[in-house]
Amino acid sequence: MSLAELQKEALGLPDERALLAASLLHTLSSPDTEISDDEVLQRDSDLAEGRVTEISHETFVRRVESER
């Protein structure tokens, strides 16, 4: 069965689509989001020493969304 055929069949499912999607997402590996203690300390030092400037959460979210 091709991907297109499988997708067509899956789209034909009523509420089971959500269960299928959740189970498929669960099988994917997580992106590497681990940050080491050393990196946290370096970023804190960079901020304290003025090598970087702080931004608001709203600015951060806006920048992330604009990159998508």
PDB file of N, CA and C in Angstrom:
ATOM      1  N   MET A   1       0.853  -1.177   0.000  1.00  0.00           N
ATOM      2  CA  MET A   1       0.000   0.000   0.000  1.00  0.00           C
ATOM      3  C   MET A   1       0.898   1.240   0.000  1.00  0.00           C
ATOM      4  N   SER A   2       0.593   2.174  -0.871  1.00  0.00           N
ATOM      5  CA  SER A   2       1.390   3.395  -0.965  1.00  0.00           C
ATOM      6  C   SER A   2       1.012   4.368   0.156  1.00  0.00           C
ATOM      7  N   LEU A   3       1.852   5.358   0.347  1.00  0.00           N
ATOM      8  CA  LEU A   3       1.579   6.380   1.360  1.00  0.00           C
ATOM      9  C   LEU A   3       0.277   7.112   1.044  1.00  0.00           C
ATOM     10  N   ALA A   4       0.056   7.426  -0.217  1.00  0.00           N
ATOM     11  CA  ALA A   4      -1.174   8.123  -0.614  1.00  0.00           C
ATOM     12  C   ALA A   4      -2.405   7.283  -0.300  1.00  0.00           C
ATOM     13  N   GLU A   5      -2.316   5.979  -0.558  1.00  0.00           N
ATOM     14  CA  GLU A   5      -3.440   5.083  -0.266  1.00  0.00           C
ATOM     15  C   GLU A   5      -3.671   4.978   1.235  1.00  0.00           C
ATOM     16  N   LEU A   6      -2.601   4.878   1.975  1.00  0.00           N
ATOM     17  CA  LEU A   6      -2.701   4.790   3.424  1.00  0.00           C
ATOM     18  C   LEU A   6      -3.296   6.065   4.012  1.00  0.00           C
ATOM     19  N   GLN A   7      -2.854   7.202   3.479  1.00  0.00           N
ATOM     20  CA  GLN A   7      -3.391   8.480   3.943  1.00  0.00           C
ATOM     21  C   GLN A   7      -4.883   8.585   3.635  1.00  0.00           C
ATOM     22  N   LYS A   8      -5.281   8.166   2.460  1.00  0.00           N
ATOM     23  CA  LYS A   8      -6.701   8.217   2.078  1.00  0.00           C
ATOM     24  C   LYS A   8      -7.527   7.356   3.022  1.00  0.00           C
ATOM     25  N   GLU A   9      -7.044   6.148   3.330  1.00  0.00           N
ATOM     26  CA  GLU A   9      -7.745   5.260   4.256  1.00  0.00           C
ATOM     27  C   GLU A   9      -7.825   5.885   5.651  1.00  0.00           C
ATOM     28  N   ALA A  10      -6.714   6.443   6.115  1.00  0.00           N
ATOM     29  CA  ALA A  10      -6.684   7.033   7.455  1.00  0.00           C
ATOM     30  C   ALA A  10      -7.629   8.225   7.551  1.00  0.00           C
ATOM     31  N   LEU A  11      -7.677   9.033   6.499  1.00  0.00           N
ATOM     32  CA  LEU A  11      -8.577  10.191   6.506  1.00  0.00           C
ATOM     33  C   LEU A  11     -10.038   9.781   6.517  1.00  0.00           C
ATOM     34  N   GLY A  12     -10.312   8.570   6.090  1.00  0.00           N
ATOM     35  CA  GLY A  12     -11.679   8.063   6.097  1.00  0.00           C
ATOM     36  C   GLY A  12     -12.143   7.590   7.460  1.00  0.00           C
ATOM     37  N   LEU A  13     -11.214   7.482   8.404  1.00  0.00           N
ATOM     38  CA  LEU A  13     -11.592   7.048   9.749  1.00  0.00           C
ATOM     39  C   LEU A  13     -12.252   8.191  10.496  1.00  0.00           C
ATOM     40  N   PRO A  14     -13.277   7.902  11.289  1.00  0.00           N
ATOM     41  CA  PRO A  14     -13.868   8.994  12.084  1.00  0.00           C
ATOM     42  C   PRO A  14     -12.960   9.341  13.266  1.00  0.00           C
ATOM     43  N   ASP A  15     -13.404   9.117  14.457  1.00  0.00           N
ATOM     44  CA  ASP A  15     -12.649   9.499  15.655  1.00  0.00           C
ATOM     45  C   ASP A  15     -11.335   8.733  15.812  1.00  0.00           C
ATOM     46  N   GLU A  16     -11.213   7.603  15.173  1.00  0.00           N
ATOM     47  CA  GLU A  16      -9.993   6.821  15.294  1.00  0.00           C
ATOM     48  C   GLU A  16      -8.784   7.522  14.700  1.00  0.00           C
ATOM     49  N   ARG A  17      -9.007   8.538  13.855  1.00  0.00           N
ATOM     50  CA  ARG A  17      -7.892   9.291  13.271  1.00  0.00           C
ATOM     51  C   ARG A  17      -7.014   9.879  14.359  1.00  0.00           C
ATOM     52  N   ALA A  18      -7.632  10.435  15.399  1.00  0.00           N
ATOM     53  CA  ALA A  18      -6.870  11.049  16.488  1.00  0.00           C
ATOM     54  C   ALA A  18      -6.043  10.000  17.216  1.00  0.00           C
ATOM     55  N   LEU A  19      -6.623   8.838  17.460  1.00  0.00           N
ATOM     56  CA  LEU A  19      -5.875   7.770  18.132  1.00  0.00           C
ATOM     57  C   LEU A  19      -4.709   7.292  17.275  1.00  0.00           C
ATOM     58  N   LEU A  20      -4.944   7.172  15.970  1.00  0.00           N
ATOM     59  CA  LEU A  20      -3.883   6.766  15.060  1.00  0.00           C
ATOM     60  C   LEU A  20      -2.769   7.805  15.037  1.00  0.00           C
ATOM     61  N   ALA A  21      -3.137   9.071  14.924  1.00  0.00           N
ATOM     62  CA  ALA A  21      -2.138  10.143  14.898  1.00  0.00           C
ATOM     63  C   ALA A  21      -1.322  10.161  16.185  1.00  0.00           C
ATOM     64  N   ALA A  22      -1.995  10.031  17.317  1.00  0.00           N
ATOM     65  CA  ALA A  22      -1.292  10.040  18.606  1.00  0.00           C
ATOM     66  C   ALA A  22      -0.335   8.865  18.720  1.00  0.00           C
ATOM     67  N   SER A  23      -0.768   7.695  18.285  1.00  0.00           N
ATOM     68  CA  SER A  23       0.106   6.528  18.392  1.00  0.00           C
ATOM     69  C   SER A  23       1.301   6.650  17.449  1.00  0.00           C
ATOM     70  N   LEU A  24       1.100   7.231  16.269  1.00  0.00           N
ATOM     71  CA  LEU A  24       2.217   7.436  15.344  1.00  0.00           C
ATOM     72  C   LEU A  24       3.195   8.478  15.888  1.00  0.00           C
ATOM     73  N   LEU A  25       2.670   9.569  16.422  1.00  0.00           N
ATOM     74  CA  LEU A  25       3.543  10.595  16.997  1.00  0.00           C
ATOM     75  C   LEU A  25       4.351  10.049  18.166  1.00  0.00           C
ATOM     76  N   HIS A  26       3.731   9.179  18.937  1.00  0.00           N
ATOM     77  CA  HIS A  26       4.401   8.597  20.104  1.00  0.00           C
ATOM     78  C   HIS A  26       5.618   7.760  19.698  1.00  0.00           C
ATOM     79  N   THR A  27       5.601   7.215  18.491  1.00  0.00           N
ATOM     80  CA  THR A  27       6.713   6.365  18.048  1.00  0.00           C
ATOM     81  C   THR A  27       7.907   7.164  17.535  1.00  0.00           C
ATOM     82  N   LEU A  28       7.714   8.467  17.287  1.00  0.00           N
ATOM     83  CA  LEU A  28       8.818   9.291  16.790  1.00  0.00           C
ATOM     84  C   LEU A  28       9.761   9.642  17.927  1.00  0.00           C
ATOM     85  N   SER A  29      11.040   9.737  17.611  1.00  0.00           N
ATOM     86  CA  SER A  29      12.002  10.117  18.640  1.00  0.00           C
ATOM     87  C   SER A  29      11.866  11.599  18.936  1.00  0.00           C
ATOM     88  N   SER A  30      12.151  11.951  20.157  1.00  0.00           N
ATOM     89  CA  SER A  30      12.077  13.344  20.587  1.00  0.00           C
ATOM     90  C   SER A  30      13.261  14.119  20.041  1.00  0.00           C
ATOM     91  N   PRO A  31      13.046  15.393  19.727  1.00  0.00           N
ATOM     92  CA  PRO A  31      14.191  16.197  19.306  1.00  0.00           C
ATOM     93  C   PRO A  31      15.145  16.377  20.485  1.00  0.00           C
ATOM     94  N   ASP A  32      16.395  16.573  20.187  1.00  0.00           N
ATOM     95  CA  ASP A  32      17.396  16.735  21.244  1.00  0.00           C
ATOM     96  C   ASP A  32      17.216  18.105  21.891  1.00  0.00           C
ATOM     97  N   THR A  33      16.582  18.123  23.046  1.00  0.00           N
ATOM     98  CA  THR A  33      16.322  19.379  23.741  1.00  0.00           C
ATOM     99  C   THR A  33      17.079  19.480  25.056  1.00  0.00           C
ATOM    100  N   GLU A  34      17.991  18.561  25.278  1.00  0.00           N
ATOM    101  CA  GLU A  34      18.762  18.586  26.516  1.00  0.00           C
ATOM    102  C   GLU A  34      19.765  19.732  26.492  1.00  0.00           C
ATOM    103  N   ILE A  35      19.840  20.478  27.567  1.00  0.00           N
ATOM    104  CA  ILE A  35      20.814  21.550  27.717  1.00  0.00           C
ATOM    105  C   ILE A  35      21.661  21.221  28.932  1.00  0.00           C
ATOM    106  N   SER A  36      22.961  21.213  28.748  1.00  0.00           N
ATOM    107  CA  SER A  36      23.862  20.847  29.836  1.00  0.00           C
ATOM    108  C   SER A  36      23.943  21.959  30.882  1.00  0.00           C
ATOM    109  N   ASP A  37      24.361  21.593  32.075  1.00  0.00           N
ATOM    110  CA  ASP A  37      24.575  22.578  33.135  1.00  0.00           C
ATOM    111  C   ASP A  37      25.619  23.605  32.710  1.00  0.00           C
ATOM    112  N   ASP A  38      26.653  23.141  31.983  1.00  0.00           N
ATOM    113  CA  ASP A  38      27.697  24.056  31.516  1.00  0.00           C
ATOM    114  C   ASP A  38      27.130  25.115  30.582  1.00  0.00           C
ATOM    115  N   GLU A  39      26.214  24.705  29.698  1.00  0.00           N
ATOM    116  CA  GLU A  39      25.609  25.667  28.782  1.00  0.00           C
ATOM    117  C   GLU A  39      24.749  26.671  29.537  1.00  0.00           C
ATOM    118  N   VAL A  40      24.009  26.208  30.528  1.00  0.00           N
ATOM    119  CA  VAL A  40      23.182  27.111  31.335  1.00  0.00           C
ATOM    120  C   VAL A  40      24.067  28.139  32.032  1.00  0.00           C
ATOM    121  N   LEU A  41      25.167  27.671  32.638  1.00  0.00           N
ATOM    122  CA  LEU A  41      26.088  28.584  33.330  1.00  0.00           C
ATOM    123  C   LEU A  41      26.716  29.575  32.358  1.00  0.00           C
ATOM    124  N   GLN A  42      27.081  29.108  31.154  1.00  0.00           N
ATOM    125  CA  GLN A  42      27.672  29.999  30.153  1.00  0.00           C
ATOM    126  C   GLN A  42      26.677  31.061  29.711  1.00  0.00           C
ATOM    127  N   ARG A  43      25.438  30.659  29.481  1.00  0.00           N
ATOM    128  CA  ARG A  43      24.415  31.625  29.059  1.00  0.00           C
ATOM    129  C   ARG A  43      24.146  32.647  30.167  1.00  0.00           C
ATOM    130  N   ASP A  44      24.114  32.185  31.411  1.00  0.00           N
ATOM    131  CA  ASP A  44      23.914  33.086  32.546  1.00  0.00           C
ATOM    132  C   ASP A  44      25.065  34.081  32.637  1.00  0.00           C
ATOM    133  N   SER A  45      26.281  33.580  32.455  1.00  0.00           N
ATOM    134  CA  SER A  45      27.463  34.446  32.484  1.00  0.00           C
ATOM    135  C   SER A  45      27.418  35.461  31.344  1.00  0.00           C
ATOM    136  N   ASP A  46      27.054  35.008  30.138  1.00  0.00           N
ATOM    137  CA  ASP A  46      26.956  35.913  28.990  1.00  0.00           C
ATOM    138  C   ASP A  46      25.974  37.034  29.268  1.00  0.00           C
ATOM    139  N   LEU A  47      24.856  36.723  29.882  1.00  0.00           N
ATOM    140  CA  LEU A  47      23.851  37.730  30.210  1.00  0.00           C
ATOM    141  C   LEU A  47      24.377  38.692  31.269  1.00  0.00           C
ATOM    142  N   ALA A  48      24.982  38.143  32.327  1.00  0.00           N
ATOM    143  CA  ALA A  48      25.499  38.971  33.417  1.00  0.00           C
ATOM    144  C   ALA A  48      26.621  39.897  32.952  1.00  0.00           C
ATOM    145  N   GLU A  49      27.445  39.429  32.029  1.00  0.00           N
ATOM    146  CA  GLU A  49      28.584  40.215  31.534  1.00  0.00           C
ATOM    147  C   GLU A  49      28.213  41.161  30.396  1.00  0.00           C
ATOM    148  N   GLY A  50      26.951  41.112  29.942  1.00  0.00           N
ATOM    149  CA  GLY A  50      26.500  42.011  28.889  1.00  0.00           C
ATOM    150  C   GLY A  50      26.886  41.580  27.485  1.00  0.00           C
ATOM    151  N   ARG A  51      27.318  40.342  27.313  1.00  0.00           N
ATOM    152  CA  ARG A  51      27.673  39.848  25.976  1.00  0.00           C
ATOM    153  C   ARG A  51      26.427  39.554  25.138  1.00  0.00           C
ATOM    154  N   VAL A  52      25.311  39.367  25.796  1.00  0.00           N
ATOM    155  CA  VAL A  52      24.020  39.175  25.131  1.00  0.00           C
ATOM    156  C   VAL A  52      22.995  40.039  25.839  1.00  0.00           C
ATOM    157  N   THR A  53      21.888  40.299  25.152  1.00  0.00           N
ATOM    158  CA  THR A  53      20.824  41.080  25.786  1.00  0.00           C
ATOM    159  C   THR A  53      19.589  40.209  25.971  1.00  0.00           C
ATOM    160  N   GLU A  54      18.880  40.501  27.003  1.00  0.00           N
ATOM    161  CA  GLU A  54      17.671  39.761  27.338  1.00  0.00           C
ATOM    162  C   GLU A  54      16.526  40.192  26.435  1.00  0.00           C
ATOM    163  N   ILE A  55      15.649  39.240  26.087  1.00  0.00           N
ATOM    164  CA  ILE A  55      14.443  39.567  25.342  1.00  0.00           C
ATOM    165  C   ILE A  55      13.240  39.038  26.121  1.00  0.00           C
ATOM    166  N   SER A  56      12.086  39.614  25.862  1.00  0.00           N
ATOM    167  CA  SER A  56      10.866  39.175  26.550  1.00  0.00           C
ATOM    168  C   SER A  56      10.390  37.848  25.978  1.00  0.00           C
ATOM    169  N   HIS A  57       9.548  37.189  26.736  1.00  0.00           N
ATOM    170  CA  HIS A  57       8.962  35.929  26.273  1.00  0.00           C
ATOM    171  C   HIS A  57       8.152  36.167  25.006  1.00  0.00           C
ATOM    172  N   GLU A  58       7.419  37.267  24.971  1.00  0.00           N
ATOM    173  CA  GLU A  58       6.601  37.584  23.805  1.00  0.00           C
ATOM    174  C   GLU A  58       7.468  37.753  22.550  1.00  0.00           C
ATOM    175  N   THR A  59       8.616  38.417  22.697  1.00  0.00           N
ATOM    176  CA  THR A  59       9.530  38.595  21.574  1.00  0.00           C
ATOM    177  C   THR A  59      10.078  37.253  21.121  1.00  0.00           C
ATOM    178  N   PHE A  60      10.438  36.401  22.068  1.00  0.00           N
ATOM    179  CA  PHE A  60      10.946  35.073  21.750  1.00  0.00           C
ATOM    180  C   PHE A  60       9.917  34.282  20.949  1.00  0.00           C
ATOM    181  N   VAL A  61       8.679  34.255  21.448  1.00  0.00           N
ATOM    182  CA  VAL A  61       7.609  33.508  20.773  1.00  0.00           C
ATOM    183  C   VAL A  61       7.374  34.064  19.371  1.00  0.00           C
ATOM    184  N   ARG A  62       7.356  35.375  19.231  1.00  0.00           N
ATOM    185  CA  ARG A  62       7.131  36.011  17.938  1.00  0.00           C
ATOM    186  C   ARG A  62       8.248  35.616  16.947  1.00  0.00           C
ATOM    187  N   ARG A  63       9.497  35.602  17.416  1.00  0.00           N
ATOM    188  CA  ARG A  63      10.617  35.230  16.541  1.00  0.00           C
ATOM    189  C   ARG A  63      10.533  33.760  16.123  1.00  0.00           C
ATOM    190  N   VAL A  64      10.196  32.890  17.074  1.00  0.00           N
ATOM    191  CA  VAL A  64      10.074  31.465  16.750  1.00  0.00           C
ATOM    192  C   VAL A  64       8.967  31.257  15.731  1.00  0.00           C
ATOM    193  N   GLU A  65       7.833  31.890  15.943  1.00  0.00           N
ATOM    194  CA  GLU A  65       6.709  31.736  15.025  1.00  0.00           C
ATOM    195  C   GLU A  65       7.025  32.277  13.635  1.00  0.00           C
ATOM    196  N   SER A  66       7.817  33.348  13.570  1.00  0.00           N
ATOM    197  CA  SER A  66       8.143  33.928  12.257  1.00  0.00           C
ATOM    198  C   SER A  66       9.115  33.045  11.490  1.00  0.00           C
ATOM    199  N   GLU A  67       9.869  32.195  12.181  1.00  0.00           N
ATOM    200  CA  GLU A  67      10.824  31.307  11.524  1.00  0.00           C
ATOM    201  C   GLU A  67      10.158  30.024  11.028  1.00  0.00           C
ATOM    202  N   ARG A  68       8.947  29.761  11.438  1.00  0.00           N
ATOM    203  CA  ARG A  68       8.253  28.539  11.016  1.00  0.00           C
ATOM    204  C   ARG A  68       7.692  28.652   9.640  1.00  0.00           C
TER     205      ARG A  68
END
